[in-house]
Full PDB file with SEQRES, HELIX, SHEET, SSBOND, CRYST1, ORIGX, SCALE, CONECT and MASTER records, all heavy atoms in Angstrom:
SEQRES   1 A   34  LYS ARG ASP GLN HIS ALA ARG PHE PRO ASP ALA ALA SER          
SEQRES   2 A   34  LEU ALA VAL ASN GLN ASN PHE HIS GLN ARG PRO ILE VAL          
SEQRES   3 A   34  ASN GLU TYR ALA PHE LEU LEU LYS                              
HELIX    1 AA1 ASP A   10  ALA A   12  5                                   3    
HELIX    2 AA2 LEU A   14  ASN A   17  1                                   4    
HELIX    3 AA3 ILE A   25  LEU A   33  1                                   9    
CRYST1    1.000    1.000    1.000  90.00  90.00  90.00 P 1           1          
ORIGX1      1.000000  0.000000  0.000000        0.00000                         
ORIGX2      0.000000  1.000000  0.000000        0.00000                         
ORIGX3      0.000000  0.000000  1.000000        0.00000                         
SCALE1      1.000000  0.000000  0.000000        0.00000                         
SCALE2      0.000000  1.000000  0.000000        0.00000                         
SCALE3      0.000000  0.000000  1.000000        0.00000                         
ATOM      1  N   LYS A   1     118.375  86.509 106.459  1.00  0.00           N  
ATOM      2  CA  LYS A   1     119.531  86.821 105.636  1.00  0.00           C  
ATOM      3  C   LYS A   1     119.949  88.256 105.589  1.00  0.00           C  
ATOM      4  O   LYS A   1     119.088  89.139 105.347  1.00  0.00           O  
ATOM      5  CB  LYS A   1     119.284  86.295 104.197  1.00  0.00           C  
ATOM      6  CG  LYS A   1     119.107  84.834 104.151  1.00  0.00           C  
ATOM      7  CD  LYS A   1     118.705  84.245 102.771  1.00  0.00           C  
ATOM      8  CE  LYS A   1     118.486  82.810 102.810  1.00  0.00           C  
ATOM      9  NZ  LYS A   1     118.157  82.261 101.396  1.00  0.00           N  
ATOM     10  N   ARG A   2     121.212  88.641 105.853  1.00  0.00           N  
ATOM     11  CA  ARG A   2     121.643  89.959 105.879  1.00  0.00           C  
ATOM     12  C   ARG A   2     123.061  90.100 105.335  1.00  0.00           C  
ATOM     13  O   ARG A   2     123.834  89.091 105.392  1.00  0.00           O  
ATOM     14  CB  ARG A   2     121.727  90.514 107.320  1.00  0.00           C  
ATOM     15  CG  ARG A   2     120.262  90.701 107.942  1.00  0.00           C  
ATOM     16  CD  ARG A   2     119.458  91.762 107.287  1.00  0.00           C  
ATOM     17  NE  ARG A   2     118.151  92.030 107.899  1.00  0.00           N  
ATOM     18  CZ  ARG A   2     117.020  91.333 107.496  1.00  0.00           C  
ATOM     19  NH1 ARG A   2     117.056  90.479 106.503  1.00  0.00           N  
ATOM     20  NH2 ARG A   2     115.885  91.621 108.068  1.00  0.00           N  
ATOM     21  N   ASP A   3     123.416  91.174 104.725  1.00  0.00           N  
ATOM     22  CA  ASP A   3     124.716  91.411 104.192  1.00  0.00           C  
ATOM     23  C   ASP A   3     125.596  91.944 105.255  1.00  0.00           C  
ATOM     24  O   ASP A   3     125.228  92.031 106.510  1.00  0.00           O  
ATOM     25  CB  ASP A   3     124.672  92.197 102.985  1.00  0.00           C  
ATOM     26  CG  ASP A   3     124.226  93.640 103.215  1.00  0.00           C  
ATOM     27  OD1 ASP A   3     124.077  94.133 104.471  1.00  0.00           O  
ATOM     28  OD2 ASP A   3     124.028  94.440 102.305  1.00  0.00           O  
ATOM     29  N   GLN A   4     126.795  92.325 105.027  1.00  0.00           N  
ATOM     30  CA  GLN A   4     127.826  92.913 106.085  1.00  0.00           C  
ATOM     31  C   GLN A   4     127.356  94.133 106.687  1.00  0.00           C  
ATOM     32  O   GLN A   4     127.792  94.580 107.781  1.00  0.00           O  
ATOM     33  CB  GLN A   4     129.220  93.021 105.439  1.00  0.00           C  
ATOM     34  CG  GLN A   4     129.102  94.109 104.251  1.00  0.00           C  
ATOM     35  CD  GLN A   4     130.483  94.269 103.635  1.00  0.00           C  
ATOM     36  OE1 GLN A   4     131.519  93.978 104.163  1.00  0.00           O  
ATOM     37  NE2 GLN A   4     130.557  94.793 102.373  1.00  0.00           N  
ATOM     38  N   HIS A   5     126.401  94.837 106.107  1.00  0.00           N  
ATOM     39  CA  HIS A   5     125.796  96.013 106.605  1.00  0.00           C  
ATOM     40  C   HIS A   5     124.487  95.918 107.243  1.00  0.00           C  
ATOM     41  O   HIS A   5     123.693  96.846 107.477  1.00  0.00           O  
ATOM     42  CB  HIS A   5     125.724  97.173 105.552  1.00  0.00           C  
ATOM     43  CG  HIS A   5     127.033  97.500 104.990  1.00  0.00           C  
ATOM     44  ND1 HIS A   5     128.115  98.042 105.602  1.00  0.00           N  
ATOM     45  CD2 HIS A   5     127.514  97.272 103.643  1.00  0.00           C  
ATOM     46  CE1 HIS A   5     129.179  98.208 104.748  1.00  0.00           C  
ATOM     47  NE2 HIS A   5     128.772  97.737 103.528  1.00  0.00           N  
ATOM     48  N   ALA A   6     124.081  94.661 107.567  1.00  0.00           N  
ATOM     49  CA  ALA A   6     122.811  94.199 108.181  1.00  0.00           C  
ATOM     50  C   ALA A   6     121.593  94.557 107.276  1.00  0.00           C  
ATOM     51  O   ALA A   6     120.583  94.808 107.797  1.00  0.00           O  
ATOM     52  CB  ALA A   6     122.716  94.914 109.519  1.00  0.00           C  
ATOM     53  N   ARG A   7     121.889  94.611 106.050  1.00  0.00           N  
ATOM     54  CA  ARG A   7     120.738  94.794 105.014  1.00  0.00           C  
ATOM     55  C   ARG A   7     120.322  93.579 104.353  1.00  0.00           C  
ATOM     56  O   ARG A   7     121.114  92.608 104.174  1.00  0.00           O  
ATOM     57  CB  ARG A   7     121.112  95.849 103.929  1.00  0.00           C  
ATOM     58  CG  ARG A   7     121.616  97.197 104.488  1.00  0.00           C  
ATOM     59  CD  ARG A   7     122.226  98.032 103.374  1.00  0.00           C  
ATOM     60  NE  ARG A   7     123.367  97.409 102.735  1.00  0.00           N  
ATOM     61  CZ  ARG A   7     124.167  97.958 101.908  1.00  0.00           C  
ATOM     62  NH1 ARG A   7     124.018  99.279 101.581  1.00  0.00           N  
ATOM     63  NH2 ARG A   7     125.223  97.286 101.459  1.00  0.00           N  
ATOM     64  N   PHE A   8     119.156  93.442 103.969  1.00  0.00           N  
ATOM     65  CA  PHE A   8     118.605  92.316 103.254  1.00  0.00           C  
ATOM     66  C   PHE A   8     119.159  92.299 101.856  1.00  0.00           C  
ATOM     67  O   PHE A   8     118.984  93.347 101.126  1.00  0.00           O  
ATOM     68  CB  PHE A   8     116.925  92.467 103.154  1.00  0.00           C  
ATOM     69  CG  PHE A   8     116.490  91.141 102.298  1.00  0.00           C  
ATOM     70  CD1 PHE A   8     116.363  89.918 102.918  1.00  0.00           C  
ATOM     71  CD2 PHE A   8     115.959  91.390 101.047  1.00  0.00           C  
ATOM     72  CE1 PHE A   8     115.789  88.905 102.208  1.00  0.00           C  
ATOM     73  CE2 PHE A   8     115.488  90.335 100.299  1.00  0.00           C  
ATOM     74  CZ  PHE A   8     115.311  89.160 100.891  1.00  0.00           C  
ATOM     75  N   PRO A   9     119.900  91.242 101.434  1.00  0.00           N  
ATOM     76  CA  PRO A   9     120.486  91.281 100.148  1.00  0.00           C  
ATOM     77  C   PRO A   9     119.551  90.961  98.953  1.00  0.00           C  
ATOM     78  O   PRO A   9     118.723  90.024  99.151  1.00  0.00           O  
ATOM     79  CB  PRO A   9     121.598  90.138 100.275  1.00  0.00           C  
ATOM     80  CG  PRO A   9     121.063  89.214 101.332  1.00  0.00           C  
ATOM     81  CD  PRO A   9     120.218  90.121 102.286  1.00  0.00           C  
ATOM     82  N   ASP A  10     119.607  91.650  97.940  1.00  0.00           N  
ATOM     83  CA  ASP A  10     118.706  91.379  96.853  1.00  0.00           C  
ATOM     84  C   ASP A  10     118.838  89.994  96.310  1.00  0.00           C  
ATOM     85  O   ASP A  10     117.867  89.346  95.734  1.00  0.00           O  
ATOM     86  CB  ASP A  10     118.851  92.425  95.736  1.00  0.00           C  
ATOM     87  CG  ASP A  10     120.100  92.522  95.061  1.00  0.00           C  
ATOM     88  OD1 ASP A  10     121.059  91.967  95.607  1.00  0.00           O  
ATOM     89  OD2 ASP A  10     120.229  92.968  93.895  1.00  0.00           O  
ATOM     90  N   ALA A  11     120.028  89.401  96.348  1.00  0.00           N  
ATOM     91  CA  ALA A  11     120.239  88.084  95.794  1.00  0.00           C  
ATOM     92  C   ALA A  11     119.463  87.032  96.560  1.00  0.00           C  
ATOM     93  O   ALA A  11     119.278  85.938  96.087  1.00  0.00           O  
ATOM     94  CB  ALA A  11     121.777  87.785  95.914  1.00  0.00           C  
ATOM     95  N   ALA A  12     119.067  87.386  97.831  1.00  0.00           N  
ATOM     96  CA  ALA A  12     118.233  86.411  98.562  1.00  0.00           C  
ATOM     97  C   ALA A  12     116.699  86.565  98.325  1.00  0.00           C  
ATOM     98  O   ALA A  12     115.921  85.776  98.892  1.00  0.00           O  
ATOM     99  CB  ALA A  12     118.472  86.711 100.039  1.00  0.00           C  
ATOM    100  N   SER A  13     116.325  87.434  97.459  1.00  0.00           N  
ATOM    101  CA  SER A  13     114.862  87.686  97.284  1.00  0.00           C  
ATOM    102  C   SER A  13     114.229  86.775  96.351  1.00  0.00           C  
ATOM    103  O   SER A  13     114.931  86.178  95.510  1.00  0.00           O  
ATOM    104  CB  SER A  13     114.723  89.057  96.696  1.00  0.00           C  
ATOM    105  OG  SER A  13     115.104  89.212  95.328  1.00  0.00           O  
ATOM    106  N   LEU A  14     112.976  86.524  96.494  1.00  0.00           N  
ATOM    107  CA  LEU A  14     112.242  85.658  95.590  1.00  0.00           C  
ATOM    108  C   LEU A  14     112.312  86.055  94.137  1.00  0.00           C  
ATOM    109  O   LEU A  14     112.493  85.252  93.299  1.00  0.00           O  
ATOM    110  CB  LEU A  14     110.787  85.501  96.060  1.00  0.00           C  
ATOM    111  CG  LEU A  14     109.859  84.671  95.131  1.00  0.00           C  
ATOM    112  CD1 LEU A  14     110.170  83.118  95.330  1.00  0.00           C  
ATOM    113  CD2 LEU A  14     108.384  84.851  95.535  1.00  0.00           C  
ATOM    114  N   ALA A  15     112.231  87.341  93.918  1.00  0.00           N  
ATOM    115  CA  ALA A  15     112.256  87.864  92.591  1.00  0.00           C  
ATOM    116  C   ALA A  15     113.517  87.591  91.837  1.00  0.00           C  
ATOM    117  O   ALA A  15     113.441  87.166  90.729  1.00  0.00           O  
ATOM    118  CB  ALA A  15     111.967  89.406  92.600  1.00  0.00           C  
ATOM    119  N   VAL A  16     114.591  87.609  92.542  1.00  0.00           N  
ATOM    120  CA  VAL A  16     115.838  87.329  91.872  1.00  0.00           C  
ATOM    121  C   VAL A  16     116.018  85.883  91.767  1.00  0.00           C  
ATOM    122  O   VAL A  16     116.444  85.313  90.600  1.00  0.00           O  
ATOM    123  CB  VAL A  16     117.121  87.912  92.739  1.00  0.00           C  
ATOM    124  CG1 VAL A  16     118.417  87.335  92.220  1.00  0.00           C  
ATOM    125  CG2 VAL A  16     117.082  89.399  92.755  1.00  0.00           C  
ATOM    126  N   ASN A  17     115.614  85.065  92.759  1.00  0.00           N  
ATOM    127  CA  ASN A  17     115.760  83.659  92.607  1.00  0.00           C  
ATOM    128  C   ASN A  17     114.877  82.948  91.573  1.00  0.00           C  
ATOM    129  O   ASN A  17     115.182  81.986  90.920  1.00  0.00           O  
ATOM    130  CB  ASN A  17     115.490  82.952  93.979  1.00  0.00           C  
ATOM    131  CG  ASN A  17     116.539  83.373  95.006  1.00  0.00           C  
ATOM    132  OD1 ASN A  17     117.739  83.533  94.661  1.00  0.00           O  
ATOM    133  ND2 ASN A  17     116.165  83.396  96.324  1.00  0.00           N  
ATOM    134  N   GLN A  18     113.754  83.614  91.297  1.00  0.00           N  
ATOM    135  CA  GLN A  18     112.877  83.113  90.276  1.00  0.00           C  
ATOM    136  C   GLN A  18     112.887  83.909  88.886  1.00  0.00           C  
ATOM    137  O   GLN A  18     112.038  83.751  88.033  1.00  0.00           O  
ATOM    138  CB  GLN A  18     111.387  83.142  90.750  1.00  0.00           C  
ATOM    139  CG  GLN A  18     111.139  82.235  92.003  1.00  0.00           C  
ATOM    140  CD  GLN A  18     111.361  80.757  91.597  1.00  0.00           C  
ATOM    141  OE1 GLN A  18     110.993  80.415  90.505  1.00  0.00           O  
ATOM    142  NE2 GLN A  18     111.689  79.998  92.588  1.00  0.00           N  
ATOM    143  N   ASN A  19     113.904  84.867  88.947  1.00  0.00           N  
ATOM    144  CA  ASN A  19     114.234  85.548  87.650  1.00  0.00           C  
ATOM    145  C   ASN A  19     113.147  86.414  87.071  1.00  0.00           C  
ATOM    146  O   ASN A  19     112.830  86.474  85.907  1.00  0.00           O  
ATOM    147  CB  ASN A  19     114.637  84.599  86.650  1.00  0.00           C  
ATOM    148  CG  ASN A  19     115.491  85.216  85.459  1.00  0.00           C  
ATOM    149  OD1 ASN A  19     116.117  86.243  85.748  1.00  0.00           O  
ATOM    150  ND2 ASN A  19     115.433  84.721  84.313  1.00  0.00           N  
ATOM    151  N   PHE A  20     112.409  87.152  88.064  1.00  0.00           N  
ATOM    152  CA  PHE A  20     111.475  88.093  87.567  1.00  0.00           C  
ATOM    153  C   PHE A  20     111.679  89.472  88.087  1.00  0.00           C  
ATOM    154  O   PHE A  20     110.855  90.389  88.056  1.00  0.00           O  
ATOM    155  CB  PHE A  20     110.053  87.714  87.714  1.00  0.00           C  
ATOM    156  CG  PHE A  20     109.617  87.557  89.217  1.00  0.00           C  
ATOM    157  CD1 PHE A  20     109.098  88.653  89.830  1.00  0.00           C  
ATOM    158  CD2 PHE A  20     109.688  86.411  89.807  1.00  0.00           C  
ATOM    159  CE1 PHE A  20     108.709  88.591  91.222  1.00  0.00           C  
ATOM    160  CE2 PHE A  20     109.223  86.223  91.174  1.00  0.00           C  
ATOM    161  CZ  PHE A  20     108.842  87.303  91.927  1.00  0.00           C  
ATOM    162  N   HIS A  21     112.964  89.714  88.525  1.00  0.00           N  
ATOM    163  CA  HIS A  21     113.348  90.916  89.262  1.00  0.00           C  
ATOM    164  C   HIS A  21     113.477  92.117  88.372  1.00  0.00           C  
ATOM    165  O   HIS A  21     113.439  93.323  88.873  1.00  0.00           O  
ATOM    166  CB  HIS A  21     114.645  90.796  89.996  1.00  0.00           C  
ATOM    167  CG  HIS A  21     115.761  90.400  89.176  1.00  0.00           C  
ATOM    168  ND1 HIS A  21     115.819  89.103  88.619  1.00  0.00           N  
ATOM    169  CD2 HIS A  21     117.010  91.004  88.730  1.00  0.00           C  
ATOM    170  CE1 HIS A  21     117.000  88.960  87.879  1.00  0.00           C  
ATOM    171  NE2 HIS A  21     117.625  90.076  87.981  1.00  0.00           N  
ATOM    172  N   GLN A  22     113.501  91.923  87.059  1.00  0.00           N  
ATOM    173  CA  GLN A  22     113.520  93.040  86.083  1.00  0.00           C  
ATOM    174  C   GLN A  22     112.128  93.306  85.394  1.00  0.00           C  
ATOM    175  O   GLN A  22     111.942  94.007  84.478  1.00  0.00           O  
ATOM    176  CB  GLN A  22     114.634  92.797  85.065  1.00  0.00           C  
ATOM    177  CG  GLN A  22     115.950  92.796  85.627  1.00  0.00           C  
ATOM    178  CD  GLN A  22     117.073  92.719  84.581  1.00  0.00           C  
ATOM    179  OE1 GLN A  22     116.686  92.883  83.417  1.00  0.00           O  
ATOM    180  NE2 GLN A  22     118.325  92.559  85.002  1.00  0.00           N  
ATOM    181  N   ARG A  23     111.152  92.738  85.998  1.00  0.00           N  
ATOM    182  CA  ARG A  23     109.674  92.944  85.534  1.00  0.00           C  
ATOM    183  C   ARG A  23     108.983  93.730  86.521  1.00  0.00           C  
ATOM    184  O   ARG A  23     108.947  93.444  87.658  1.00  0.00           O  
ATOM    185  CB  ARG A  23     109.121  91.557  85.261  1.00  0.00           C  
ATOM    186  CG  ARG A  23     109.662  90.592  84.187  1.00  0.00           C  
ATOM    187  CD  ARG A  23     109.149  91.047  82.887  1.00  0.00           C  
ATOM    188  NE  ARG A  23     107.766  90.793  82.711  1.00  0.00           N  
ATOM    189  CZ  ARG A  23     107.216  89.650  82.258  1.00  0.00           C  
ATOM    190  NH1 ARG A  23     108.050  88.659  81.848  1.00  0.00           N  
ATOM    191  NH2 ARG A  23     105.898  89.512  82.081  1.00  0.00           N  
ATOM    192  N   PRO A  24     108.236  94.786  86.043  1.00  0.00           N  
ATOM    193  CA  PRO A  24     107.329  95.568  86.989  1.00  0.00           C  
ATOM    194  C   PRO A  24     106.017  94.821  87.211  1.00  0.00           C  
ATOM    195  O   PRO A  24     104.972  95.251  86.706  1.00  0.00           O  
ATOM    196  CB  PRO A  24     107.213  96.813  86.213  1.00  0.00           C  
ATOM    197  CG  PRO A  24     107.238  96.424  84.801  1.00  0.00           C  
ATOM    198  CD  PRO A  24     108.188  95.258  84.751  1.00  0.00           C  
ATOM    199  N   ILE A  25     106.082  93.735  87.905  1.00  0.00           N  
ATOM    200  CA  ILE A  25     104.877  92.831  87.835  1.00  0.00           C  
ATOM    201  C   ILE A  25     103.718  93.464  88.485  1.00  0.00           C  
ATOM    202  O   ILE A  25     102.543  93.048  88.136  1.00  0.00           O  
ATOM    203  CB  ILE A  25     105.217  91.359  88.444  1.00  0.00           C  
ATOM    204  CG1 ILE A  25     105.566  91.476  89.966  1.00  0.00           C  
ATOM    205  CG2 ILE A  25     106.349  90.756  87.761  1.00  0.00           C  
ATOM    206  CD1 ILE A  25     105.555  90.125  90.555  1.00  0.00           C  
ATOM    207  N   VAL A  26     103.859  94.281  89.480  1.00  0.00           N  
ATOM    208  CA  VAL A  26     102.701  94.939  90.063  1.00  0.00           C  
ATOM    209  C   VAL A  26     101.936  95.755  88.982  1.00  0.00           C  
ATOM    210  O   VAL A  26     100.724  95.708  88.928  1.00  0.00           O  
ATOM    211  CB  VAL A  26     103.025  95.726  91.330  1.00  0.00           C  
ATOM    212  CG1 VAL A  26     101.860  96.533  91.776  1.00  0.00           C  
ATOM    213  CG2 VAL A  26     103.565  94.894  92.423  1.00  0.00           C  
ATOM    214  N   ASN A  27     102.664  96.498  88.197  1.00  0.00           N  
ATOM    215  CA  ASN A  27     102.078  97.234  87.215  1.00  0.00           C  
ATOM    216  C   ASN A  27     101.442  96.272  86.076  1.00  0.00           C  
ATOM    217  O   ASN A  27     100.414  96.586  85.527  1.00  0.00           O  
ATOM    218  CB  ASN A  27     103.177  98.079  86.414  1.00  0.00           C  
ATOM    219  CG  ASN A  27     103.635  99.222  87.342  1.00  0.00           C  
ATOM    220  OD1 ASN A  27     104.427  98.976  88.183  1.00  0.00           O  
ATOM    221  ND2 ASN A  27     103.251 100.425  86.983  1.00  0.00           N  
ATOM    222  N   GLU A  28     102.139  95.215  85.827  1.00  0.00           N  
ATOM    223  CA  GLU A  28     101.473  94.235  84.915  1.00  0.00           C  
ATOM    224  C   GLU A  28     100.213  93.601  85.500  1.00  0.00           C  
ATOM    225  O   GLU A  28      99.354  93.247  84.677  1.00  0.00           O  
ATOM    226  CB  GLU A  28     102.559  93.150  84.668  1.00  0.00           C  
ATOM    227  CG  GLU A  28     103.703  93.575  83.822  1.00  0.00           C  
ATOM    228  CD  GLU A  28     104.714  92.472  83.504  1.00  0.00           C  
ATOM    229  OE1 GLU A  28     104.229  91.485  82.927  1.00  0.00           O  
ATOM    230  OE2 GLU A  28     105.946  92.548  83.705  1.00  0.00           O  
ATOM    231  N   TYR A  29     100.137  93.413  86.781  1.00  0.00           N  
ATOM    232  CA  TYR A  29      98.849  92.866  87.346  1.00  0.00           C  
ATOM    233  C   TYR A  29      97.746  94.025  87.167  1.00  0.00           C  
ATOM    234  O   TYR A  29      96.700  93.674  86.830  1.00  0.00           O  
ATOM    235  CB  TYR A  29      98.972  92.700  88.832  1.00  0.00           C  
ATOM    236  CG  TYR A  29      99.942  91.595  89.259  1.00  0.00           C  
ATOM    237  CD1 TYR A  29     100.726  91.550  90.387  1.00  0.00           C  
ATOM    238  CD2 TYR A  29     100.026  90.349  88.440  1.00  0.00           C  
ATOM    239  CE1 TYR A  29     101.585  90.557  90.796  1.00  0.00           C  
ATOM    240  CE2 TYR A  29     100.828  89.326  88.810  1.00  0.00           C  
ATOM    241  CZ  TYR A  29     101.528  89.417  89.989  1.00  0.00           C  
ATOM    242  OH  TYR A  29     102.351  88.386  90.352  1.00  0.00           O  
ATOM    243  N   ALA A  30      98.099  95.263  87.397  1.00  0.00           N  
ATOM    244  CA  ALA A  30      97.235  96.293  87.222  1.00  0.00           C  
ATOM    245  C   ALA A  30      96.669  96.329  85.708  1.00  0.00           C  
ATOM    246  O   ALA A  30      95.445  96.420  85.430  1.00  0.00           O  
ATOM    247  CB  ALA A  30      97.842  97.705  87.588  1.00  0.00           C  
ATOM    248  N   PHE A  31      97.568  96.204  84.805  1.00  0.00           N  
ATOM    249  CA  PHE A  31      97.151  96.289  83.320  1.00  0.00           C  
ATOM    250  C   PHE A  31      96.421  95.001  82.995  1.00  0.00           C  
ATOM    251  O   PHE A  31      95.576  95.018  82.049  1.00  0.00           O  
ATOM    252  CB  PHE A  31      98.405  96.462  82.410  1.00  0.00           C  
ATOM    253  CG  PHE A  31      98.859  97.905  82.394  1.00  0.00           C  
ATOM    254  CD1 PHE A  31     100.076  98.227  82.874  1.00  0.00           C  
ATOM    255  CD2 PHE A  31      98.092  98.862  81.874  1.00  0.00           C  
ATOM    256  CE1 PHE A  31     100.545  99.514  82.872  1.00  0.00           C  
ATOM    257  CE2 PHE A  31      98.459 100.211  81.793  1.00  0.00           C  
ATOM    258  CZ  PHE A  31      99.719 100.493  82.357  1.00  0.00           C  
ATOM    259  N   LEU A  32      96.648  93.887  83.640  1.00  0.00           N  
ATOM    260  CA  LEU A  32      95.879  92.729  83.369  1.00  0.00           C  
ATOM    261  C   LEU A  32      94.465  92.958  83.811  1.00  0.00           C  
ATOM    262  O   LEU A  32      93.483  92.649  83.108  1.00  0.00           O  
ATOM    263  CB  LEU A  32      96.442  91.542  84.128  1.00  0.00           C  
ATOM    264  CG  LEU A  32      95.790  90.157  83.890  1.00  0.00           C  
ATOM    265  CD1 LEU A  32      96.781  89.009  83.942  1.00  0.00           C  
ATOM    266  CD2 LEU A  32      94.776  89.918  85.107  1.00  0.00           C  
ATOM    267  N   LEU A  33      94.333  93.533  84.979  1.00  0.00           N  
ATOM    268  CA  LEU A  33      92.979  93.867  85.498  1.00  0.00           C  
ATOM    269  C   LEU A  33      92.214  94.983  84.604  1.00  0.00           C  
ATOM    270  O   LEU A  33      91.060  94.791  84.250  1.00  0.00           O  
ATOM    271  CB  LEU A  33      92.971  94.558  86.900  1.00  0.00           C  
ATOM    272  CG  LEU A  33      93.003  93.607  88.012  1.00  0.00           C  
ATOM    273  CD1 LEU A  33      93.158  94.322  89.316  1.00  0.00           C  
ATOM    274  CD2 LEU A  33      91.779  92.679  88.043  1.00  0.00           C  
ATOM    275  N   LYS A  34      93.017  95.908  84.042  1.00  0.00           N  
ATOM    276  CA  LYS A  34      92.434  96.846  83.005  1.00  0.00           C  
ATOM    277  C   LYS A  34      92.031  96.150  81.846  1.00  0.00           C  
ATOM    278  O   LYS A  34      90.762  96.428  81.317  1.00  0.00           O  
ATOM    279  CB  LYS A  34      93.558  97.804  82.682  1.00  0.00           C  
ATOM    280  CG  LYS A  34      93.169  98.873  81.619  1.00  0.00           C  
ATOM    281  CD  LYS A  34      94.237  99.796  81.260  1.00  0.00           C  
ATOM    282  CE  LYS A  34      93.894 100.743  80.137  1.00  0.00           C  
ATOM    283  NZ  LYS A  34      94.909 101.707  79.816  1.00  0.00           N  
TER     284      LYS A  34                                                      
MASTER        0    0    0    3    0    0    0    6  283    1    0    3          
END                                                                             
């Protein structure tokens, strides 16, 4: 999937489709480990 400028569109990402794109989940994984 690419946009008109041959870039991957954020709308096609898993994070957007599953509605966690505004969560810093990698940081949350780190704090879970902490």
